[in-house]
Amino acid sequence: MTIEEQVVATLRTLPPEGQREVLELITRWRDRSQQDGPRSPAPDWPPGLFERTAGAWQGEPLVREPEGELDPGGRMADLLEQLAAIQALPDLTDPARWERDLRQDRELPGREL
């Protein structure tokens, strides 16, 4: 299915007011692109910058080392399970109460607790 066919098919699923909004959007975009001419990906960059700089690096090849897997919570979960398995805190029977007792709330500026 072409892009035009996809647009028409999607447009047909919209109610009339949605179709009107899409038409206005397309019309504004078309009018602006006709006034401005073709748009550059970065209009503030000097003309020909990419042509002059592409492939210009003369040093050693740049290498991006593999970062490994990102699992910030997985290791913590494993450690907490290990602590629970060895009953590292046997006196802690109600974790929510322990947290409430431990917290020391302070009044926030402009708010009362």
PDB file of N, CA and C in Angstrom:
ATOM      1  N   MET A   1       0.846  -1.168   0.000  1.00  0.00           N
ATOM      2  CA  MET A   1       0.000   0.000   0.000  1.00  0.00           C
ATOM      3  C   MET A   1       0.900   1.242   0.000  1.00  0.00           C
ATOM      4  N   THR A   2       0.624   2.174  -0.888  1.00  0.00           N
ATOM      5  CA  THR A   2       1.424   3.393  -0.979  1.00  0.00           C
ATOM      6  C   THR A   2       1.109   4.319   0.198  1.00  0.00           C
ATOM      7  N   ILE A   3       1.940   5.319   0.376  1.00  0.00           N
ATOM      8  CA  ILE A   3       1.691   6.294   1.443  1.00  0.00           C
ATOM      9  C   ILE A   3       0.364   7.006   1.198  1.00  0.00           C
ATOM     10  N   GLU A   4       0.121   7.362  -0.055  1.00  0.00           N
ATOM     11  CA  GLU A   4      -1.135   8.053  -0.382  1.00  0.00           C
ATOM     12  C   GLU A   4      -2.329   7.176  -0.017  1.00  0.00           C
ATOM     13  N   GLU A   5      -2.247   5.893  -0.338  1.00  0.00           N
ATOM     14  CA  GLU A   5      -3.344   4.978  -0.001  1.00  0.00           C
ATOM     15  C   GLU A   5      -3.509   4.848   1.509  1.00  0.00           C
ATOM     16  N   GLN A   6      -2.397   4.824   2.236  1.00  0.00           N
ATOM     17  CA  GLN A   6      -2.462   4.744   3.696  1.00  0.00           C
ATOM     18  C   GLN A   6      -3.110   5.993   4.286  1.00  0.00           C
ATOM     19  N   VAL A   7      -2.738   7.160   3.744  1.00  0.00           N
ATOM     20  CA  VAL A   7      -3.319   8.419   4.232  1.00  0.00           C
ATOM     21  C   VAL A   7      -4.818   8.429   3.977  1.00  0.00           C
ATOM     22  N   VAL A   8      -5.221   8.063   2.768  1.00  0.00           N
ATOM     23  CA  VAL A   8      -6.644   8.064   2.425  1.00  0.00           C
ATOM     24  C   VAL A   8      -7.399   7.063   3.301  1.00  0.00           C
ATOM     25  N   ALA A   9      -6.851   5.879   3.486  1.00  0.00           N
ATOM     26  CA  ALA A   9      -7.518   4.865   4.308  1.00  0.00           C
ATOM     27  C   ALA A   9      -7.666   5.346   5.744  1.00  0.00           C
ATOM     28  N   THR A  10      -6.624   5.975   6.278  1.00  0.00           N
ATOM     29  CA  THR A  10      -6.686   6.488   7.644  1.00  0.00           C
ATOM     30  C   THR A  10      -7.677   7.634   7.727  1.00  0.00           C
ATOM     31  N   LEU A  11      -7.664   8.507   6.736  1.00  0.00           N
ATOM     32  CA  LEU A  11      -8.559   9.656   6.710  1.00  0.00           C
ATOM     33  C   LEU A  11     -10.015   9.210   6.716  1.00  0.00           C
ATOM     34  N   ARG A  12     -10.295   8.125   6.017  1.00  0.00           N
ATOM     35  CA  ARG A  12     -11.685   7.627   5.934  1.00  0.00           C
ATOM     36  C   ARG A  12     -12.189   7.121   7.288  1.00  0.00           C
ATOM     37  N   THR A  13     -11.275   6.779   8.195  1.00  0.00           N
ATOM     38  CA  THR A  13     -11.699   6.293   9.510  1.00  0.00           C
ATOM     39  C   THR A  13     -12.036   7.426  10.469  1.00  0.00           C
ATOM     40  N   LEU A  14     -11.691   8.660  10.092  1.00  0.00           N
ATOM     41  CA  LEU A  14     -11.915   9.808  10.969  1.00  0.00           C
ATOM     42  C   LEU A  14     -13.304  10.391  10.765  1.00  0.00           C
ATOM     43  N   PRO A  15     -13.868  10.989  11.816  1.00  0.00           N
ATOM     44  CA  PRO A  15     -15.133  11.708  11.634  1.00  0.00           C
ATOM     45  C   PRO A  15     -14.881  12.970  10.812  1.00  0.00           C
ATOM     46  N   PRO A  16     -15.924  13.598  10.282  1.00  0.00           N
ATOM     47  CA  PRO A  16     -15.751  14.770   9.418  1.00  0.00           C
ATOM     48  C   PRO A  16     -14.904  15.881  10.048  1.00  0.00           C
ATOM     49  N   GLU A  17     -15.076  16.179  11.327  1.00  0.00           N
ATOM     50  CA  GLU A  17     -14.276  17.250  11.933  1.00  0.00           C
ATOM     51  C   GLU A  17     -12.796  16.869  11.983  1.00  0.00           C
ATOM     52  N   GLY A  18     -12.490  15.595  12.179  1.00  0.00           N
ATOM     53  CA  GLY A  18     -11.100  15.139  12.141  1.00  0.00           C
ATOM     54  C   GLY A  18     -10.522  15.251  10.738  1.00  0.00           C
ATOM     55  N   GLN A  19     -11.328  14.904   9.736  1.00  0.00           N
ATOM     56  CA  GLN A  19     -10.880  15.027   8.354  1.00  0.00           C
ATOM     57  C   GLN A  19     -10.586  16.483   8.011  1.00  0.00           C
ATOM     58  N   ARG A  20     -11.442  17.405   8.512  1.00  0.00           N
ATOM     59  CA  ARG A  20     -11.238  18.825   8.269  1.00  0.00           C
ATOM     60  C   ARG A  20      -9.921  19.303   8.886  1.00  0.00           C
ATOM     61  N   GLU A  21      -9.622  18.850  10.108  1.00  0.00           N
ATOM     62  CA  GLU A  21      -8.366  19.228  10.770  1.00  0.00           C
ATOM     63  C   GLU A  21      -7.154  18.730   9.985  1.00  0.00           C
ATOM     64  N   VAL A  22      -7.225  17.497   9.503  1.00  0.00           N
ATOM     65  CA  VAL A  22      -6.114  16.939   8.720  1.00  0.00           C
ATOM     66  C   VAL A  22      -5.926  17.740   7.435  1.00  0.00           C
ATOM     67  N   LEU A  23      -7.026  18.083   6.777  1.00  0.00           N
ATOM     68  CA  LEU A  23      -6.939  18.873   5.551  1.00  0.00           C
ATOM     69  C   LEU A  23      -6.296  20.230   5.824  1.00  0.00           C
ATOM     70  N   GLU A  24      -6.687  20.891   6.923  1.00  0.00           N
ATOM     71  CA  GLU A  24      -6.093  22.190   7.267  1.00  0.00           C
ATOM     72  C   GLU A  24      -4.592  22.049   7.538  1.00  0.00           C
ATOM     73  N   LEU A  25      -4.218  21.005   8.237  1.00  0.00           N
ATOM     74  CA  LEU A  25      -2.810  20.771   8.543  1.00  0.00           C
ATOM     75  C   LEU A  25      -1.991  20.563   7.263  1.00  0.00           C
ATOM     76  N   ILE A  26      -2.500  19.734   6.374  1.00  0.00           N
ATOM     77  CA  ILE A  26      -1.797  19.461   5.117  1.00  0.00           C
ATOM     78  C   ILE A  26      -1.700  20.732   4.277  1.00  0.00           C
ATOM     79  N   THR A  27      -2.780  21.503   4.230  1.00  0.00           N
ATOM     80  CA  THR A  27      -2.787  22.734   3.445  1.00  0.00           C
ATOM     81  C   THR A  27      -1.768  23.729   3.992  1.00  0.00           C
ATOM     82  N   ARG A  28      -1.742  23.914   5.322  1.00  0.00           N
ATOM     83  CA  ARG A  28      -0.756  24.831   5.920  1.00  0.00           C
ATOM     84  C   ARG A  28       0.664  24.370   5.631  1.00  0.00           C
ATOM     85  N   TRP A  29       0.909  23.074   5.760  1.00  0.00           N
ATOM     86  CA  TRP A  29       2.255  22.550   5.513  1.00  0.00           C
ATOM     87  C   TRP A  29       2.658  22.769   4.055  1.00  0.00           C
ATOM     88  N   ARG A  30       1.728  22.496   3.140  1.00  0.00           N
ATOM     89  CA  ARG A  30       2.015  22.690   1.712  1.00  0.00           C
ATOM     90  C   ARG A  30       2.308  24.147   1.400  1.00  0.00           C
ATOM     91  N   ASP A  31       1.475  25.047   1.923  1.00  0.00           N
ATOM     92  CA  ASP A  31       1.670  26.478   1.663  1.00  0.00           C
ATOM     93  C   ASP A  31       2.998  26.964   2.222  1.00  0.00           C
ATOM     94  N   ARG A  32       3.341  26.542   3.421  1.00  0.00           N
ATOM     95  CA  ARG A  32       4.596  26.973   4.034  1.00  0.00           C
ATOM     96  C   ARG A  32       5.787  26.425   3.250  1.00  0.00           C
ATOM     97  N   SER A  33       5.719  25.168   2.820  1.00  0.00           N
ATOM     98  CA  SER A  33       6.859  24.595   2.089  1.00  0.00           C
ATOM     99  C   SER A  33       7.014  25.240   0.719  1.00  0.00           C
ATOM    100  N   GLN A  34       5.926  25.694   0.120  1.00  0.00           N
ATOM    101  CA  GLN A  34       6.024  26.387  -1.171  1.00  0.00           C
ATOM    102  C   GLN A  34       6.641  27.769  -0.993  1.00  0.00           C
ATOM    103  N   GLN A  35       6.349  28.423   0.132  1.00  0.00           N
ATOM    104  CA  GLN A  35       6.907  29.750   0.387  1.00  0.00           C
ATOM    105  C   GLN A  35       8.390  29.665   0.741  1.00  0.00           C
ATOM    106  N   ASP A  36       8.748  28.721   1.576  1.00  0.00           N
ATOM    107  CA  ASP A  36      10.116  28.620   2.083  1.00  0.00           C
ATOM    108  C   ASP A  36      11.056  27.888   1.140  1.00  0.00           C
ATOM    109  N   GLY A  37      10.542  27.124   0.241  1.00  0.00           N
ATOM    110  CA  GLY A  37      11.391  26.292  -0.602  1.00  0.00           C
ATOM    111  C   GLY A  37      11.792  25.044   0.161  1.00  0.00           C
ATOM    112  N   PRO A  38      12.685  24.236  -0.406  1.00  0.00           N
ATOM    113  CA  PRO A  38      13.076  22.999   0.273  1.00  0.00           C
ATOM    114  C   PRO A  38      13.729  23.314   1.610  1.00  0.00           C
ATOM    115  N   ARG A  39      13.407  22.496   2.602  1.00  0.00           N
ATOM    116  CA  ARG A  39      13.936  22.717   3.940  1.00  0.00           C
ATOM    117  C   ARG A  39      15.168  21.873   4.173  1.00  0.00           C
ATOM    118  N   SER A  40      16.151  22.486   4.767  1.00  0.00           N
ATOM    119  CA  SER A  40      17.389  21.790   5.120  1.00  0.00           C
ATOM    120  C   SER A  40      17.182  21.107   6.471  1.00  0.00           C
ATOM    121  N   PRO A  41      17.869  19.978   6.727  1.00  0.00           N
ATOM    122  CA  PRO A  41      17.685  19.310   8.017  1.00  0.00           C
ATOM    123  C   PRO A  41      18.115  20.186   9.192  1.00  0.00           C
ATOM    124  N   ALA A  42      19.060  21.073   8.989  1.00  0.00           N
ATOM    125  CA  ALA A  42      19.510  21.983  10.038  1.00  0.00           C
ATOM    126  C   ALA A  42      19.708  23.355   9.408  1.00  0.00           C
ATOM    127  N   PRO A  43      18.659  24.174   9.365  1.00  0.00           N
ATOM    128  CA  PRO A  43      18.735  25.411   8.611  1.00  0.00           C
ATOM    129  C   PRO A  43      19.788  26.396   9.106  1.00  0.00           C
ATOM    130  N   ASP A  44      20.247  26.283  10.343  1.00  0.00           N
ATOM    131  CA  ASP A  44      21.239  27.223  10.858  1.00  0.00           C
ATOM    132  C   ASP A  44      22.664  26.823  10.503  1.00  0.00           C
ATOM    133  N   TRP A  45      22.859  25.649   9.928  1.00  0.00           N
ATOM    134  CA  TRP A  45      24.205  25.203   9.597  1.00  0.00           C
ATOM    135  C   TRP A  45      24.620  25.763   8.247  1.00  0.00           C
ATOM    136  N   PRO A  46      25.885  26.026   8.061  1.00  0.00           N
ATOM    137  CA  PRO A  46      26.325  26.600   6.783  1.00  0.00           C
ATOM    138  C   PRO A  46      26.093  25.650   5.617  1.00  0.00           C
ATOM    139  N   PRO A  47      25.790  26.201   4.453  1.00  0.00           N
ATOM    140  CA  PRO A  47      25.597  25.355   3.269  1.00  0.00           C
ATOM    141  C   PRO A  47      26.859  24.552   2.967  1.00  0.00           C
ATOM    142  N   GLY A  48      26.676  23.310   2.556  1.00  0.00           N
ATOM    143  CA  GLY A  48      27.802  22.462   2.170  1.00  0.00           C
ATOM    144  C   GLY A  48      28.569  21.860   3.328  1.00  0.00           C
ATOM    145  N   LEU A  49      28.116  22.072   4.558  1.00  0.00           N
ATOM    146  CA  LEU A  49      28.847  21.554   5.724  1.00  0.00           C
ATOM    147  C   LEU A  49      29.006  20.040   5.641  1.00  0.00           C
ATOM    148  N   PHE A  50      27.934  19.327   5.331  1.00  0.00           N
ATOM    149  CA  PHE A  50      27.999  17.869   5.314  1.00  0.00           C
ATOM    150  C   PHE A  50      28.907  17.369   4.197  1.00  0.00           C
ATOM    151  N   GLU A  51      28.844  18.025   3.052  1.00  0.00           N
ATOM    152  CA  GLU A  51      29.685  17.616   1.935  1.00  0.00           C
ATOM    153  C   GLU A  51      31.168  17.809   2.262  1.00  0.00           C
ATOM    154  N   ARG A  52      31.488  18.874   3.001  1.00  0.00           N
ATOM    155  CA  ARG A  52      32.897  19.152   3.332  1.00  0.00           C
ATOM    156  C   ARG A  52      33.403  18.268   4.465  1.00  0.00           C
ATOM    157  N   THR A  53      32.516  17.837   5.351  1.00  0.00           N
ATOM    158  CA  THR A  53      32.987  17.130   6.544  1.00  0.00           C
ATOM    159  C   THR A  53      32.762  15.625   6.507  1.00  0.00           C
ATOM    160  N   ALA A  54      31.865  15.130   5.684  1.00  0.00           N
ATOM    161  CA  ALA A  54      31.594  13.696   5.643  1.00  0.00           C
ATOM    162  C   ALA A  54      32.860  12.937   5.255  1.00  0.00           C
ATOM    163  N   GLY A  55      33.261  12.003   6.080  1.00  0.00           N
ATOM    164  CA  GLY A  55      34.446  11.206   5.803  1.00  0.00           C
ATOM    165  C   GLY A  55      35.742  11.947   6.032  1.00  0.00           C
ATOM    166  N   ALA A  56      35.708  13.078   6.722  1.00  0.00           N
ATOM    167  CA  ALA A  56      36.908  13.901   6.896  1.00  0.00           C
ATOM    168  C   ALA A  56      37.795  13.437   8.051  1.00  0.00           C
ATOM    169  N   TRP A  57      37.331  12.558   8.925  1.00  0.00           N
ATOM    170  CA  TRP A  57      38.132  12.105  10.060  1.00  0.00           C
ATOM    171  C   TRP A  57      39.380  11.393   9.561  1.00  0.00           C
ATOM    172  N   GLN A  58      40.548  11.836  10.025  1.00  0.00           N
ATOM    173  CA  GLN A  58      41.818  11.284   9.559  1.00  0.00           C
ATOM    174  C   GLN A  58      42.524  10.448  10.624  1.00  0.00           C
ATOM    175  N   GLY A  59      42.004  10.410  11.832  1.00  0.00           N
ATOM    176  CA  GLY A  59      42.655   9.680  12.918  1.00  0.00           C
ATOM    177  C   GLY A  59      42.340   8.199  12.890  1.00  0.00           C
ATOM    178  N   GLU A  60      42.602   7.553  14.036  1.00  0.00           N
ATOM    179  CA  GLU A  60      42.303   6.120  14.154  1.00  0.00           C
ATOM    180  C   GLU A  60      40.805   5.914  14.052  1.00  0.00           C
ATOM    181  N   PRO A  61      40.389   4.743  13.563  1.00  0.00           N
ATOM    182  CA  PRO A  61      38.946   4.490  13.446  1.00  0.00           C
ATOM    183  C   PRO A  61      38.273   4.605  14.810  1.00  0.00           C
ATOM    184  N   LEU A  62      37.110   5.205  14.806  1.00  0.00           N
ATOM    185  CA  LEU A  62      36.338   5.335  16.040  1.00  0.00           C
ATOM    186  C   LEU A  62      35.648   4.010  16.326  1.00  0.00           C
ATOM    187  N   VAL A  63      35.773   3.555  17.567  1.00  0.00           N
ATOM    188  CA  VAL A  63      35.182   2.279  17.950  1.00  0.00           C
ATOM    189  C   VAL A  63      34.277   2.512  19.144  1.00  0.00           C
ATOM    190  N   ARG A  64      33.076   2.024  19.063  1.00  0.00           N
ATOM    191  CA  ARG A  64      32.158   2.095  20.197  1.00  0.00           C
ATOM    192  C   ARG A  64      32.098   0.717  20.832  1.00  0.00           C
ATOM    193  N   GLU A  65      32.589   0.657  22.052  1.00  0.00           N
ATOM    194  CA  GLU A  65      32.618  -0.616  22.758  1.00  0.00           C
ATOM    195  C   GLU A  65      31.194  -1.041  23.123  1.00  0.00           C
ATOM    196  N   PRO A  66      30.946  -2.354  23.175  1.00  0.00           N
ATOM    197  CA  PRO A  66      29.619  -2.815  23.588  1.00  0.00           C
ATOM    198  C   PRO A  66      29.345  -2.386  25.032  1.00  0.00           C
ATOM    199  N   GLU A  67      28.118  -1.976  25.294  1.00  0.00           N
ATOM    200  CA  GLU A  67      27.764  -1.486  26.613  1.00  0.00           C
ATOM    201  C   GLU A  67      27.266  -2.590  27.543  1.00  0.00           C
ATOM    202  N   GLY A  68      27.003  -3.736  27.017  1.00  0.00           N
ATOM    203  CA  GLY A  68      26.457  -4.798  27.855  1.00  0.00           C
ATOM    204  C   GLY A  68      24.961  -4.604  28.039  1.00  0.00           C
ATOM    205  N   GLU A  69      24.375  -5.498  28.811  1.00  0.00           N
ATOM    206  CA  GLU A  69      22.928  -5.428  29.030  1.00  0.00           C
ATOM    207  C   GLU A  69      22.614  -4.431  30.132  1.00  0.00           C
ATOM    208  N   LEU A  70      21.527  -3.722  29.954  1.00  0.00           N
ATOM    209  CA  LEU A  70      21.082  -2.763  30.942  1.00  0.00           C
ATOM    210  C   LEU A  70      19.926  -3.378  31.717  1.00  0.00           C
ATOM    211  N   ASP A  71      20.171  -3.656  32.977  1.00  0.00           N
ATOM    212  CA  ASP A  71      19.140  -4.228  33.833  1.00  0.00           C
ATOM    213  C   ASP A  71      19.339  -3.677  35.239  1.00  0.00           C
ATOM    214  N   PRO A  72      19.040  -2.384  35.445  1.00  0.00           N
ATOM    215  CA  PRO A  72      19.341  -1.778  36.734  1.00  0.00           C
ATOM    216  C   PRO A  72      18.574  -2.395  37.896  1.00  0.00           C
ATOM    217  N   GLY A  73      17.373  -2.844  37.661  1.00  0.00           N
ATOM    218  CA  GLY A  73      16.588  -3.394  38.756  1.00  0.00           C
ATOM    219  C   GLY A  73      16.822  -4.873  38.992  1.00  0.00           C
ATOM    220  N   GLY A  74      17.301  -5.569  37.967  1.00  0.00           N
ATOM    221  CA  GLY A  74      17.469  -7.018  38.083  1.00  0.00           C
ATOM    222  C   GLY A  74      18.478  -7.413  39.145  1.00  0.00           C
ATOM    223  N   ARG A  75      19.620  -6.760  39.164  1.00  0.00           N
ATOM    224  CA  ARG A  75      20.662  -7.086  40.159  1.00  0.00           C
ATOM    225  C   ARG A  75      20.163  -6.762  41.563  1.00  0.00           C
ATOM    226  N   MET A  76      19.496  -5.615  41.726  1.00  0.00           N
ATOM    227  CA  MET A  76      18.963  -5.250  43.034  1.00  0.00           C
ATOM    228  C   MET A  76      17.930  -6.277  43.497  1.00  0.00           C
ATOM    229  N   ALA A  77      17.074  -6.720  42.603  1.00  0.00           N
ATOM    230  CA  ALA A  77      16.061  -7.716  42.964  1.00  0.00           C
ATOM    231  C   ALA A  77      16.724  -9.011  43.407  1.00  0.00           C
ATOM    232  N   ASP A  78      17.776  -9.431  42.703  1.00  0.00           N
ATOM    233  CA  ASP A  78      18.502 -10.647  43.092  1.00  0.00           C
ATOM    234  C   ASP A  78      19.096 -10.509  44.489  1.00  0.00           C
ATOM    235  N   LEU A  79      19.706  -9.354  44.754  1.00  0.00           N
ATOM    236  CA  LEU A  79      20.312  -9.134  46.072  1.00  0.00           C
ATOM    237  C   LEU A  79      19.259  -9.121  47.179  1.00  0.00           C
ATOM    238  N   LEU A  80      18.120  -8.496  46.920  1.00  0.00           N
ATOM    239  CA  LEU A  80      17.054  -8.472  47.927  1.00  0.00           C
ATOM    240  C   LEU A  80      16.501  -9.876  48.183  1.00  0.00           C
ATOM    241  N   GLU A  81      16.399 -10.669  47.125  1.00  0.00           N
ATOM    242  CA  GLU A  81      15.944 -12.053  47.308  1.00  0.00           C
ATOM    243  C   GLU A  81      16.938 -12.849  48.146  1.00  0.00           C
ATOM    244  N   GLN A  82      18.236 -12.634  47.915  1.00  0.00           N
ATOM    245  CA  GLN A  82      19.258 -13.317  48.704  1.00  0.00           C
ATOM    246  C   GLN A  82      19.159 -12.908  50.178  1.00  0.00           C
ATOM    247  N   LEU A  83      18.952 -11.605  50.430  1.00  0.00           N
ATOM    248  CA  LEU A  83      18.797 -11.140  51.818  1.00  0.00           C
ATOM    249  C   LEU A  83      17.573 -11.766  52.467  1.00  0.00           C
ATOM    250  N   ALA A  84      16.484 -11.859  51.725  1.00  0.00           N
ATOM    251  CA  ALA A  84      15.273 -12.471  52.268  1.00  0.00           C
ATOM    252  C   ALA A  84      15.495 -13.950  52.543  1.00  0.00           C
ATOM    253  N   ALA A  85      16.218 -14.635  51.657  1.00  0.00           N
ATOM    254  CA  ALA A  85      16.458 -16.070  51.817  1.00  0.00           C
ATOM    255  C   ALA A  85      17.270 -16.378  53.065  1.00  0.00           C
ATOM    256  N   ILE A  86      18.228 -15.513  53.399  1.00  0.00           N
ATOM    257  CA  ILE A  86      19.043 -15.772  54.598  1.00  0.00           C
ATOM    258  C   ILE A  86      18.464 -15.079  55.834  1.00  0.00           C
ATOM    259  N   GLN A  87      17.304 -14.473  55.658  1.00  0.00           N
ATOM    260  CA  GLN A  87      16.632 -13.749  56.742  1.00  0.00           C
ATOM    261  C   GLN A  87      17.589 -12.778  57.423  1.00  0.00           C
ATOM    262  N   ALA A  88      18.130 -11.881  56.605  1.00  0.00           N
ATOM    263  CA  ALA A  88      19.124 -10.918  57.087  1.00  0.00           C
ATOM    264  C   ALA A  88      18.548  -9.964  58.122  1.00  0.00           C
ATOM    265  N   LEU A  89      17.258  -9.709  58.098  1.00  0.00           N
ATOM    266  CA  LEU A  89      16.618  -8.826  59.073  1.00  0.00           C
ATOM    267  C   LEU A  89      15.449  -9.567  59.725  1.00  0.00           C
ATOM    268  N   PRO A  90      15.747 -10.499  60.642  1.00  0.00           N
ATOM    269  CA  PRO A  90      14.677 -11.328  61.201  1.00  0.00           C
ATOM    270  C   PRO A  90      13.665 -10.545  62.035  1.00  0.00           C
ATOM    271  N   ASP A  91      14.051  -9.411  62.607  1.00  0.00           N
ATOM    272  CA  ASP A  91      13.132  -8.634  63.441  1.00  0.00           C
ATOM    273  C   ASP A  91      12.202  -7.749  62.615  1.00  0.00           C
ATOM    274  N   LEU A  92      12.434  -7.670  61.332  1.00  0.00           N
ATOM    275  CA  LEU A  92      11.642  -6.803  60.472  1.00  0.00           C
ATOM    276  C   LEU A  92      10.424  -7.583  59.983  1.00  0.00           C
ATOM    277  N   THR A  93       9.338  -7.474  60.726  1.00  0.00           N
ATOM    278  CA  THR A  93       8.126  -8.216  60.366  1.00  0.00           C
ATOM    279  C   THR A  93       7.141  -7.368  59.572  1.00  0.00           C
ATOM    280  N   ASP A  94       7.219  -6.046  59.733  1.00  0.00           N
ATOM    281  CA  ASP A  94       6.311  -5.144  59.026  1.00  0.00           C
ATOM    282  C   ASP A  94       7.131  -4.053  58.344  1.00  0.00           C
ATOM    283  N   PRO A  95       7.588  -4.294  57.103  1.00  0.00           N
ATOM    284  CA  PRO A  95       8.461  -3.326  56.425  1.00  0.00           C
ATOM    285  C   PRO A  95       7.837  -1.940  56.272  1.00  0.00           C
ATOM    286  N   ALA A  96       6.536  -1.868  56.031  1.00  0.00           N
ATOM    287  CA  ALA A  96       5.894  -0.560  55.862  1.00  0.00           C
ATOM    288  C   ALA A  96       5.936   0.228  57.170  1.00  0.00           C
ATOM    289  N   ARG A  97       5.689  -0.443  58.276  1.00  0.00           N
ATOM    290  CA  ARG A  97       5.753   0.260  59.574  1.00  0.00           C
ATOM    291  C   ARG A  97       7.179   0.690  59.878  1.00  0.00           C
ATOM    292  N   TRP A  98       8.141  -0.186  59.575  1.00  0.00           N
ATOM    293  CA  TRP A  98       9.556   0.146  59.797  1.00  0.00           C
ATOM    294  C   TRP A  98       9.918   1.407  59.015  1.00  0.00           C
ATOM    295  N   GLU A  99       9.451   1.506  57.760  1.00  0.00           N
ATOM    296  CA  GLU A  99       9.761   2.685  56.953  1.00  0.00           C
ATOM    297  C   GLU A  99       9.110   3.927  57.529  1.00  0.00           C
ATOM    298  N   ARG A 100       7.844   3.810  57.969  1.00  0.00           N
ATOM    299  CA  ARG A 100       7.163   4.969  58.564  1.00  0.00           C
ATOM    300  C   ARG A 100       7.885   5.444  59.821  1.00  0.00           C
ATOM    301  N   ASP A 101       8.308   4.488  60.665  1.00  0.00           N
ATOM    302  CA  ASP A 101       9.011   4.847  61.903  1.00  0.00           C
ATOM    303  C   ASP A 101      10.370   5.471  61.610  1.00  0.00           C
ATOM    304  N   LEU A 102      11.042   5.002  60.579  1.00  0.00           N
ATOM    305  CA  LEU A 102      12.382   5.468  60.253  1.00  0.00           C
ATOM    306  C   LEU A 102      12.381   6.843  59.599  1.00  0.00           C
ATOM    307  N   ARG A 103      11.364   7.116  58.790  1.00  0.00           N
ATOM    308  CA  ARG A 103      11.328   8.391  58.064  1.00  0.00           C
ATOM    309  C   ARG A 103      11.207   9.561  59.012  1.00  0.00           C
ATOM    310  N   GLN A 104      11.879  10.610  58.667  1.00  0.00           N
ATOM    311  CA  GLN A 104      11.765  11.839  59.436  1.00  0.00           C
ATOM    312  C   GLN A 104      11.293  12.924  58.485  1.00  0.00           C
ATOM    313  N   ASP A 105       9.979  13.057  58.397  1.00  0.00           N
ATOM    314  CA  ASP A 105       9.422  14.051  57.486  1.00  0.00           C
ATOM    315  C   ASP A 105       9.681  15.442  58.016  1.00  0.00           C
ATOM    316  N   ARG A 106       9.848  16.361  57.123  1.00  0.00           N
ATOM    317  CA  ARG A 106       9.997  17.764  57.492  1.00  0.00           C
ATOM    318  C   ARG A 106       8.943  18.555  56.740  1.00  0.00           C
ATOM    319  N   GLU A 107       8.617  19.679  57.268  1.00  0.00           N
ATOM    320  CA  GLU A 107       7.651  20.524  56.574  1.00  0.00           C
ATOM    321  C   GLU A 107       8.287  21.104  55.325  1.00  0.00           C
ATOM    322  N   LEU A 108       7.545  21.057  54.249  1.00  0.00           N
ATOM    323  CA  LEU A 108       8.021  21.640  52.999  1.00  0.00           C
ATOM    324  C   LEU A 108       7.654  23.121  52.985  1.00  0.00           C
ATOM    325  N   PRO A 109       8.472  23.936  52.375  1.00  0.00           N
ATOM    326  CA  PRO A 109       8.175  25.371  52.329  1.00  0.00           C
ATOM    327  C   PRO A 109       6.803  25.635  51.695  1.00  0.00           C
ATOM    328  N   GLY A 110       5.992  26.380  52.398  1.00  0.00           N
ATOM    329  CA  GLY A 110       4.670  26.725  51.875  1.00  0.00           C
ATOM    330  C   GLY A 110       3.622  25.644  52.058  1.00  0.00           C
ATOM    331  N   ARG A 111       3.964  24.553  52.742  1.00  0.00           N
ATOM    332  CA  ARG A 111       2.996  23.465  52.966  1.00  0.00           C
ATOM    333  C   ARG A 111       3.060  23.014  54.414  1.00  0.00           C
ATOM    334  N   GLU A 112       1.935  22.640  54.916  1.00  0.00           N
ATOM    335  CA  GLU A 112       1.904  22.040  56.248  1.00  0.00           C
ATOM    336  C   GLU A 112       1.578  20.570  56.107  1.00  0.00           C
ATOM    337  N   LEU A 113       2.176  19.763  56.943  1.00  0.00           N
ATOM    338  CA  LEU A 113       1.906  18.319  56.902  1.00  0.00           C
ATOM    339  C   LEU A 113       0.571  17.985  57.503  1.00  0.00           C
TER     340      LEU A 113
END
